[in-house]
């Protein structure tokens, strides 16, 4: 035996009928707080701050990074036959 019950109600009415709490005010407060935080963080995306954060402060830093990169690359490469470490520097 099959019984089918169709209920025509809104989600708010269904929550109230089941006894679930109304979280709409909480959700509104949380979304407003999220919006405020996102607006505050957008100030960090100005070009000057972005460049200071993502790029090296001086060209010396860039040169040091290149030296470190090439040093790591050379450590992973085998030396040619007959070559010494002195030759590779």
PDB file of N, CA and C in Angstrom:
ATOM      1  N   UNK A   1       0.845  -1.171   0.000  1.00  0.00           N
ATOM      2  CA  UNK A   1       0.000   0.000   0.000  1.00  0.00           C
ATOM      3  C   UNK A   1       0.892   1.236   0.000  1.00  0.00           C
ATOM      4  N   UNK A   2       0.604   2.166  -0.866  1.00  0.00           N
ATOM      5  CA  UNK A   2       1.353   3.403  -0.985  1.00  0.00           C
ATOM      6  C   UNK A   2       0.446   4.562  -0.622  1.00  0.00           C
ATOM      7  N   UNK A   3       1.030   5.492   0.154  1.00  0.00           N
ATOM      8  CA  UNK A   3       0.284   6.695   0.512  1.00  0.00           C
ATOM      9  C   UNK A   3       1.124   7.888   0.083  1.00  0.00           C
ATOM     10  N   UNK A   4       0.538   8.798  -0.626  1.00  0.00           N
ATOM     11  CA  UNK A   4       1.225   9.992  -1.067  1.00  0.00           C
ATOM     12  C   UNK A   4       0.535  11.196  -0.455  1.00  0.00           C
ATOM     13  N   UNK A   5       1.361  12.055   0.155  1.00  0.00           N
ATOM     14  CA  UNK A   5       0.826  13.278   0.746  1.00  0.00           C
ATOM     15  C   UNK A   5       1.531  14.453   0.097  1.00  0.00           C
ATOM     16  N   UNK A   6       0.800  15.337  -0.473  1.00  0.00           N
ATOM     17  CA  UNK A   6       1.343  16.543  -1.078  1.00  0.00           C
ATOM     18  C   UNK A   6       1.059  17.715  -0.153  1.00  0.00           C
ATOM     19  N   UNK A   7       2.096  18.448   0.175  1.00  0.00           N
ATOM     20  CA  UNK A   7       1.946  19.606   1.037  1.00  0.00           C
ATOM     21  C   UNK A   7       2.370  20.833   0.237  1.00  0.00           C
ATOM     22  N   UNK A   8       1.516  21.804   0.210  1.00  0.00           N
ATOM     23  CA  UNK A   8       1.810  23.038  -0.521  1.00  0.00           C
ATOM     24  C   UNK A   8       2.072  24.135   0.508  1.00  0.00           C
ATOM     25  N   UNK A   9       3.391  24.402   0.730  1.00  0.00           N
ATOM     26  CA  UNK A   9       3.752  25.445   1.685  1.00  0.00           C
ATOM     27  C   UNK A   9       5.112  26.026   1.314  1.00  0.00           C
ATOM     28  N   UNK A  10       5.411  27.166   1.891  1.00  0.00           N
ATOM     29  CA  UNK A  10       6.692  27.808   1.632  1.00  0.00           C
ATOM     30  C   UNK A  10       7.760  27.168   2.520  1.00  0.00           C
ATOM     31  N   UNK A  11       9.038  27.362   2.213  1.00  0.00           N
ATOM     32  CA  UNK A  11      10.087  26.829   3.083  1.00  0.00           C
ATOM     33  C   UNK A  11       9.986  27.363   4.520  1.00  0.00           C
ATOM     34  N   UNK A  12       9.590  28.632   4.670  1.00  0.00           N
ATOM     35  CA  UNK A  12       9.450  29.203   6.014  1.00  0.00           C
ATOM     36  C   UNK A  12       8.349  28.491   6.799  1.00  0.00           C
ATOM     37  N   UNK A  13       7.243  28.214   6.113  1.00  0.00           N
ATOM     38  CA  UNK A  13       6.140  27.510   6.764  1.00  0.00           C
ATOM     39  C   UNK A  13       6.547  26.087   7.138  1.00  0.00           C
ATOM     40  N   UNK A  14       7.288  25.422   6.269  1.00  0.00           N
ATOM     41  CA  UNK A  14       7.731  24.055   6.558  1.00  0.00           C
ATOM     42  C   UNK A  14       8.673  24.035   7.756  1.00  0.00           C
ATOM     43  N   UNK A  15       9.601  25.001   7.819  1.00  0.00           N
ATOM     44  CA  UNK A  15      10.515  25.059   8.975  1.00  0.00           C
ATOM     45  C   UNK A  15       9.743  25.284  10.271  1.00  0.00           C
ATOM     46  N   UNK A  16       8.778  26.193  10.235  1.00  0.00           N
ATOM     47  CA  UNK A  16       7.985  26.475  11.438  1.00  0.00           C
ATOM     48  C   UNK A  16       7.177  25.241  11.845  1.00  0.00           C
ATOM     49  N   UNK A  17       6.630  24.529  10.875  1.00  0.00           N
ATOM     50  CA  UNK A  17       5.835  23.346  11.173  1.00  0.00           C
ATOM     51  C   UNK A  17       6.693  22.257  11.815  1.00  0.00           C
ATOM     52  N   UNK A  18       7.918  22.067  11.302  1.00  0.00           N
ATOM     53  CA  UNK A  18       8.817  21.042  11.846  1.00  0.00           C
ATOM     54  C   UNK A  18       9.415  21.488  13.175  1.00  0.00           C
ATOM     55  N   UNK A  19       9.503  22.798  13.387  1.00  0.00           N
ATOM     56  CA  UNK A  19      10.058  23.304  14.634  1.00  0.00           C
ATOM     57  C   UNK A  19      11.503  23.762  14.526  1.00  0.00           C
ATOM     58  N   UNK A  20      11.977  23.975  13.308  1.00  0.00           N
ATOM     59  CA  UNK A  20      13.342  24.460  13.122  1.00  0.00           C
ATOM     60  C   UNK A  20      13.392  25.969  13.372  1.00  0.00           C
ATOM     61  N   UNK A  21      14.521  26.455  13.874  1.00  0.00           N
ATOM     62  CA  UNK A  21      14.615  27.890  14.161  1.00  0.00           C
ATOM     63  C   UNK A  21      14.715  28.725  12.877  1.00  0.00           C
ATOM     64  N   UNK A  22      14.313  29.964  12.970  1.00  0.00           N
ATOM     65  CA  UNK A  22      14.423  30.899  11.854  1.00  0.00           C
ATOM     66  C   UNK A  22      15.818  31.522  11.917  1.00  0.00           C
ATOM     67  N   UNK A  23      16.661  31.171  10.966  1.00  0.00           N
ATOM     68  CA  UNK A  23      18.043  31.666  10.992  1.00  0.00           C
ATOM     69  C   UNK A  23      18.269  32.816  10.020  1.00  0.00           C
ATOM     70  N   UNK A  24      17.210  33.351   9.446  1.00  0.00           N
ATOM     71  CA  UNK A  24      17.343  34.453   8.483  1.00  0.00           C
ATOM     72  C   UNK A  24      18.038  35.671   9.101  1.00  0.00           C
ATOM     73  N   UNK A  25      17.690  36.101  10.326  1.00  0.00           N
ATOM     74  CA  UNK A  25      18.395  37.256  10.907  1.00  0.00           C
ATOM     75  C   UNK A  25      19.889  36.985  11.113  1.00  0.00           C
ATOM     76  N   UNK A  26      20.226  35.780  11.546  1.00  0.00           N
ATOM     77  CA  UNK A  26      21.635  35.410  11.731  1.00  0.00           C
ATOM     78  C   UNK A  26      22.366  35.434  10.395  1.00  0.00           C
ATOM     79  N   UNK A  27      21.736  34.903   9.375  1.00  0.00           N
ATOM     80  CA  UNK A  27      22.346  34.882   8.051  1.00  0.00           C
ATOM     81  C   UNK A  27      22.549  36.300   7.531  1.00  0.00           C
ATOM     82  N   UNK A  28      21.607  37.179   7.749  1.00  0.00           N
ATOM     83  CA  UNK A  28      21.742  38.577   7.322  1.00  0.00           C
ATOM     84  C   UNK A  28      22.927  39.244   8.014  1.00  0.00           C
ATOM     85  N   UNK A  29      23.082  39.034   9.336  1.00  0.00           N
ATOM     86  CA  UNK A  29      24.202  39.620  10.077  1.00  0.00           C
ATOM     87  C   UNK A  29      25.531  39.078   9.576  1.00  0.00           C
ATOM     88  N   UNK A  30      25.597  37.770   9.346  1.00  0.00           N
ATOM     89  CA  UNK A  30      26.843  37.156   8.876  1.00  0.00           C
ATOM     90  C   UNK A  30      27.213  37.659   7.471  1.00  0.00           C
ATOM     91  N   UNK A  31      26.242  37.792   6.601  1.00  0.00           N
ATOM     92  CA  UNK A  31      26.520  38.280   5.252  1.00  0.00           C
ATOM     93  C   UNK A  31      26.975  39.742   5.279  1.00  0.00           C
ATOM     94  N   UNK A  32      26.401  40.558   6.170  1.00  0.00           N
ATOM     95  CA  UNK A  32      26.824  41.950   6.298  1.00  0.00           C
ATOM     96  C   UNK A  32      28.264  42.017   6.805  1.00  0.00           C
ATOM     97  N   UNK A  33      28.614  41.171   7.782  1.00  0.00           N
ATOM     98  CA  UNK A  33      29.987  41.122   8.310  1.00  0.00           C
ATOM     99  C   UNK A  33      30.955  40.680   7.218  1.00  0.00           C
ATOM    100  N   UNK A  34      30.584  39.686   6.439  1.00  0.00           N
ATOM    101  CA  UNK A  34      31.424  39.211   5.340  1.00  0.00           C
ATOM    102  C   UNK A  34      31.627  40.313   4.307  1.00  0.00           C
ATOM    103  N   UNK A  35      30.566  41.031   3.999  1.00  0.00           N
ATOM    104  CA  UNK A  35      30.658  42.133   3.040  1.00  0.00           C
ATOM    105  C   UNK A  35      31.603  43.221   3.556  1.00  0.00           C
ATOM    106  N   UNK A  36      31.509  43.544   4.836  1.00  0.00           N
ATOM    107  CA  UNK A  36      32.393  44.559   5.421  1.00  0.00           C
ATOM    108  C   UNK A  36      33.851  44.122   5.373  1.00  0.00           C
ATOM    109  N   UNK A  37      34.127  42.876   5.689  1.00  0.00           N
ATOM    110  CA  UNK A  37      35.506  42.372   5.659  1.00  0.00           C
ATOM    111  C   UNK A  37      36.064  42.371   4.243  1.00  0.00           C
ATOM    112  N   UNK A  38      35.250  41.984   3.286  1.00  0.00           N
ATOM    113  CA  UNK A  38      35.713  41.983   1.900  1.00  0.00           C
ATOM    114  C   UNK A  38      36.013  43.408   1.429  1.00  0.00           C
ATOM    115  N   UNK A  39      35.184  44.366   1.814  1.00  0.00           N
ATOM    116  CA  UNK A  39      35.413  45.758   1.432  1.00  0.00           C
ATOM    117  C   UNK A  39      36.710  46.264   2.051  1.00  0.00           C
ATOM    118  N   UNK A  40      36.979  45.890   3.307  1.00  0.00           N
ATOM    119  CA  UNK A  40      38.234  46.292   3.953  1.00  0.00           C
ATOM    120  C   UNK A  40      39.443  45.700   3.245  1.00  0.00           C
ATOM    121  N   UNK A  41      39.344  44.459   2.833  1.00  0.00           N
ATOM    122  CA  UNK A  41      40.468  43.793   2.171  1.00  0.00           C
ATOM    123  C   UNK A  41      40.705  44.295   0.754  1.00  0.00           C
ATOM    124  N   UNK A  42      39.700  44.883   0.135  1.00  0.00           N
ATOM    125  CA  UNK A  42      39.889  45.425  -1.211  1.00  0.00           C
ATOM    126  C   UNK A  42      40.880  46.581  -1.208  1.00  0.00           C
ATOM    127  N   UNK A  43      41.040  47.236  -0.074  1.00  0.00           N
ATOM    128  CA  UNK A  43      42.000  48.330   0.017  1.00  0.00           C
ATOM    129  C   UNK A  43      43.428  47.818  -0.169  1.00  0.00           C
ATOM    130  N   UNK A  44      43.672  46.549   0.164  1.00  0.00           N
ATOM    131  CA  UNK A  44      45.008  45.968   0.006  1.00  0.00           C
ATOM    132  C   UNK A  44      45.339  45.658  -1.449  1.00  0.00           C
ATOM    133  N   UNK A  45      44.381  45.825  -2.334  1.00  0.00           N
ATOM    134  CA  UNK A  45      44.616  45.497  -3.741  1.00  0.00           C
ATOM    135  C   UNK A  45      45.029  46.707  -4.573  1.00  0.00           C
ATOM    136  N   UNK A  46      45.349  47.827  -3.918  1.00  0.00           N
ATOM    137  CA  UNK A  46      45.808  48.955  -4.707  1.00  0.00           C
ATOM    138  C   UNK A  46      47.169  48.605  -5.311  1.00  0.00           C
ATOM    139  N   UNK A  47      47.512  49.169  -6.454  1.00  0.00           N
ATOM    140  CA  UNK A  47      48.729  48.758  -7.180  1.00  0.00           C
ATOM    141  C   UNK A  47      50.013  48.869  -6.362  1.00  0.00           C
ATOM    142  N   UNK A  48      50.152  49.925  -5.567  1.00  0.00           N
ATOM    143  CA  UNK A  48      51.395  50.102  -4.801  1.00  0.00           C
ATOM    144  C   UNK A  48      51.584  48.988  -3.780  1.00  0.00           C
ATOM    145  N   UNK A  49      50.530  48.672  -3.028  1.00  0.00           N
ATOM    146  CA  UNK A  49      50.621  47.601  -2.035  1.00  0.00           C
ATOM    147  C   UNK A  49      50.856  46.263  -2.710  1.00  0.00           C
ATOM    148  N   UNK A  50      50.187  46.038  -3.826  1.00  0.00           N
ATOM    149  CA  UNK A  50      50.341  44.787  -4.568  1.00  0.00           C
ATOM    150  C   UNK A  50      51.786  44.602  -5.024  1.00  0.00           C
ATOM    151  N   UNK A  51      52.391  45.652  -5.565  1.00  0.00           N
ATOM    152  CA  UNK A  51      53.772  45.568  -6.047  1.00  0.00           C
ATOM    153  C   UNK A  51      54.738  45.329  -4.894  1.00  0.00           C
ATOM    154  N   UNK A  52      54.521  45.989  -3.774  1.00  0.00           N
ATOM    155  CA  UNK A  52      55.412  45.809  -2.618  1.00  0.00           C
ATOM    156  C   UNK A  52      55.326  44.390  -2.076  1.00  0.00           C
ATOM    157  N   UNK A  53      54.142  43.807  -2.122  1.00  0.00           N
ATOM    158  CA  UNK A  53      53.936  42.472  -1.570  1.00  0.00           C
ATOM    159  C   UNK A  53      54.522  41.389  -2.463  1.00  0.00           C
ATOM    160  N   UNK A  54      54.319  41.509  -3.767  1.00  0.00           N
ATOM    161  CA  UNK A  54      54.658  40.417  -4.663  1.00  0.00           C
ATOM    162  C   UNK A  54      56.016  40.532  -5.343  1.00  0.00           C
ATOM    163  N   UNK A  55      56.604  41.706  -5.386  1.00  0.00           N
ATOM    164  CA  UNK A  55      57.889  41.846  -6.059  1.00  0.00           C
ATOM    165  C   UNK A  55      59.000  42.093  -5.036  1.00  0.00           C
ATOM    166  N   UNK A  56      60.230  41.695  -5.349  1.00  0.00           N
ATOM    167  CA  UNK A  56      61.348  41.929  -4.428  1.00  0.00           C
ATOM    168  C   UNK A  56      61.531  43.422  -4.186  1.00  0.00           C
ATOM    169  N   UNK A  57      62.047  43.764  -3.018  1.00  0.00           N
ATOM    170  CA  UNK A  57      62.217  45.165  -2.665  1.00  0.00           C
ATOM    171  C   UNK A  57      63.368  45.811  -3.425  1.00  0.00           C
ATOM    172  N   UNK A  58      64.413  45.052  -3.718  1.00  0.00           N
ATOM    173  CA  UNK A  58      65.563  45.618  -4.425  1.00  0.00           C
ATOM    174  C   UNK A  58      65.994  44.655  -5.517  1.00  0.00           C
ATOM    175  N   UNK A  59      66.815  45.162  -6.410  1.00  0.00           N
ATOM    176  CA  UNK A  59      67.344  44.297  -7.463  1.00  0.00           C
ATOM    177  C   UNK A  59      68.331  43.290  -6.890  1.00  0.00           C
ATOM    178  N   UNK A  60      68.944  43.610  -5.756  1.00  0.00           N
ATOM    179  CA  UNK A  60      69.850  42.648  -5.114  1.00  0.00           C
ATOM    180  C   UNK A  60      69.073  41.394  -4.726  1.00  0.00           C
ATOM    181  N   UNK A  61      67.870  41.574  -4.232  1.00  0.00           N
ATOM    182  CA  UNK A  61      67.051  40.417  -3.866  1.00  0.00           C
ATOM    183  C   UNK A  61      66.778  39.558  -5.092  1.00  0.00           C
ATOM    184  N   UNK A  62      66.505  40.208  -6.221  1.00  0.00           N
ATOM    185  CA  UNK A  62      66.253  39.482  -7.462  1.00  0.00           C
ATOM    186  C   UNK A  62      67.494  38.709  -7.887  1.00  0.00           C
ATOM    187  N   UNK A  63      68.671  39.351  -7.771  1.00  0.00           N
ATOM    188  CA  UNK A  63      69.920  38.682  -8.129  1.00  0.00           C
ATOM    189  C   UNK A  63      70.200  37.497  -7.224  1.00  0.00           C
ATOM    190  N   UNK A  64      69.927  37.655  -5.945  1.00  0.00           N
ATOM    191  CA  UNK A  64      70.120  36.543  -5.004  1.00  0.00           C
ATOM    192  C   UNK A  64      69.183  35.384  -5.331  1.00  0.00           C
ATOM    193  N   UNK A  65      67.965  35.702  -5.707  1.00  0.00           N
ATOM    194  CA  UNK A  65      67.013  34.653  -6.052  1.00  0.00           C
ATOM    195  C   UNK A  65      67.479  33.909  -7.304  1.00  0.00           C
ATOM    196  N   UNK A  66      68.015  34.645  -8.287  1.00  0.00           N
ATOM    197  CA  UNK A  66      68.522  33.998  -9.495  1.00  0.00           C
ATOM    198  C   UNK A  66      69.705  33.096  -9.171  1.00  0.00           C
ATOM    199  N   UNK A  67      70.625  33.581  -8.319  1.00  0.00           N
ATOM    200  CA  UNK A  67      71.781  32.753  -7.934  1.00  0.00           C
ATOM    201  C   UNK A  67      71.325  31.468  -7.258  1.00  0.00           C
ATOM    202  N   UNK A  68      70.351  31.589  -6.358  1.00  0.00           N
ATOM    203  CA  UNK A  68      69.855  30.406  -5.657  1.00  0.00           C
ATOM    204  C   UNK A  68      69.218  29.435  -6.656  1.00  0.00           C
ATOM    205  N   UNK A  69      68.432  29.964  -7.597  1.00  0.00           N
ATOM    206  CA  UNK A  69      67.787  29.128  -8.599  1.00  0.00           C
ATOM    207  C   UNK A  69      68.817  28.376  -9.428  1.00  0.00           C
ATOM    208  N   UNK A  70      69.818  29.096  -9.952  1.00  0.00           N
ATOM    209  CA  UNK A  70      70.816  28.450 -10.796  1.00  0.00           C
ATOM    210  C   UNK A  70      71.682  27.487 -10.003  1.00  0.00           C
ATOM    211  N   UNK A  71      71.938  27.805  -8.735  1.00  0.00           N
ATOM    212  CA  UNK A  71      72.685  26.883  -7.887  1.00  0.00           C
ATOM    213  C   UNK A  71      71.938  25.557  -7.715  1.00  0.00           C
ATOM    214  N   UNK A  72      70.622  25.651  -7.528  1.00  0.00           N
ATOM    215  CA  UNK A  72      69.820  24.438  -7.391  1.00  0.00           C
ATOM    216  C   UNK A  72      69.777  23.652  -8.700  1.00  0.00           C
ATOM    217  N   UNK A  73      69.710  24.360  -9.808  1.00  0.00           N
ATOM    218  CA  UNK A  73      69.684  23.686 -11.101  1.00  0.00           C
ATOM    219  C   UNK A  73      71.003  22.952 -11.361  1.00  0.00           C
ATOM    220  N   UNK A  74      72.117  23.583 -11.015  1.00  0.00           N
ATOM    221  CA  UNK A  74      73.426  22.977 -11.258  1.00  0.00           C
ATOM    222  C   UNK A  74      73.653  21.775 -10.350  1.00  0.00           C
ATOM    223  N   UNK A  75      73.094  21.821  -9.145  1.00  0.00           N
ATOM    224  CA  UNK A  75      73.262  20.671  -8.242  1.00  0.00           C
ATOM    225  C   UNK A  75      72.578  19.437  -8.797  1.00  0.00           C
ATOM    226  N   UNK A  76      71.487  19.622  -9.533  1.00  0.00           N
ATOM    227  CA  UNK A  76      70.743  18.486 -10.072  1.00  0.00           C
ATOM    228  C   UNK A  76      71.304  17.955 -11.374  1.00  0.00           C
ATOM    229  N   UNK A  77      72.213  18.689 -12.007  1.00  0.00           N
ATOM    230  CA  UNK A  77      72.760  18.274 -13.294  1.00  0.00           C
ATOM    231  C   UNK A  77      74.093  17.554 -13.099  1.00  0.00           C
ATOM    232  N   UNK A  78      74.299  16.443 -13.788  1.00  0.00           N
ATOM    233  CA  UNK A  78      75.586  15.755 -13.681  1.00  0.00           C
ATOM    234  C   UNK A  78      76.684  16.556 -14.383  1.00  0.00           C
ATOM    235  N   UNK A  79      77.895  16.480 -13.836  1.00  0.00           N
ATOM    236  CA  UNK A  79      79.030  17.177 -14.461  1.00  0.00           C
ATOM    237  C   UNK A  79      79.528  16.362 -15.647  1.00  0.00           C
ATOM    238  N   UNK A  80      80.019  17.038 -16.697  1.00  0.00           N
ATOM    239  CA  UNK A  80      80.567  16.315 -17.849  1.00  0.00           C
ATOM    240  C   UNK A  80      81.783  15.489 -17.431  1.00  0.00           C
ATOM    241  N   UNK A  81      82.054  14.457 -18.180  1.00  0.00           N
ATOM    242  CA  UNK A  81      83.183  13.586 -17.880  1.00  0.00           C
ATOM    243  C   UNK A  81      84.467  14.383 -17.954  1.00  0.00           C
ATOM    244  N   UNK A  82      85.328  14.242 -16.971  1.00  0.00           N
ATOM    245  CA  UNK A  82      86.614  14.917 -16.939  1.00  0.00           C
ATOM    246  C   UNK A  82      86.560  16.304 -16.316  1.00  0.00           C
ATOM    247  N   UNK A  83      85.372  16.825 -16.025  1.00  0.00           N
ATOM    248  CA  UNK A  83      85.251  18.161 -15.440  1.00  0.00           C
ATOM    249  C   UNK A  83      85.372  18.054 -13.926  1.00  0.00           C
ATOM    250  N   UNK A  84      85.834  19.117 -13.321  1.00  0.00           N
ATOM    251  CA  UNK A  84      85.937  19.179 -11.858  1.00  0.00           C
ATOM    252  C   UNK A  84      84.978  20.256 -11.358  1.00  0.00           C
ATOM    253  N   UNK A  85      84.745  20.288 -10.069  1.00  0.00           N
ATOM    254  CA  UNK A  85      83.869  21.301  -9.491  1.00  0.00           C
ATOM    255  C   UNK A  85      84.446  22.687  -9.726  1.00  0.00           C
ATOM    256  N   UNK A  86      85.765  22.793  -9.721  1.00  0.00           N
ATOM    257  CA  UNK A  86      86.412  24.079  -9.941  1.00  0.00           C
ATOM    258  C   UNK A  86      86.082  24.629 -11.319  1.00  0.00           C
ATOM    259  N   UNK A  87      85.978  23.729 -12.316  1.00  0.00           N
ATOM    260  CA  UNK A  87      85.662  24.150 -13.682  1.00  0.00           C
ATOM    261  C   UNK A  87      84.242  24.707 -13.802  1.00  0.00           C
ATOM    262  N   UNK A  88      83.326  24.200 -12.989  1.00  0.00           N
ATOM    263  CA  UNK A  88      81.931  24.614 -13.125  1.00  0.00           C
ATOM    264  C   UNK A  88      81.662  25.952 -12.471  1.00  0.00           C
ATOM    265  N   UNK A  89      82.595  26.497 -11.695  1.00  0.00           N
ATOM    266  CA  UNK A  89      82.359  27.786 -11.016  1.00  0.00           C
ATOM    267  C   UNK A  89      82.812  28.911 -11.802  1.00  0.00           C
TER     268      UNK A  89
END
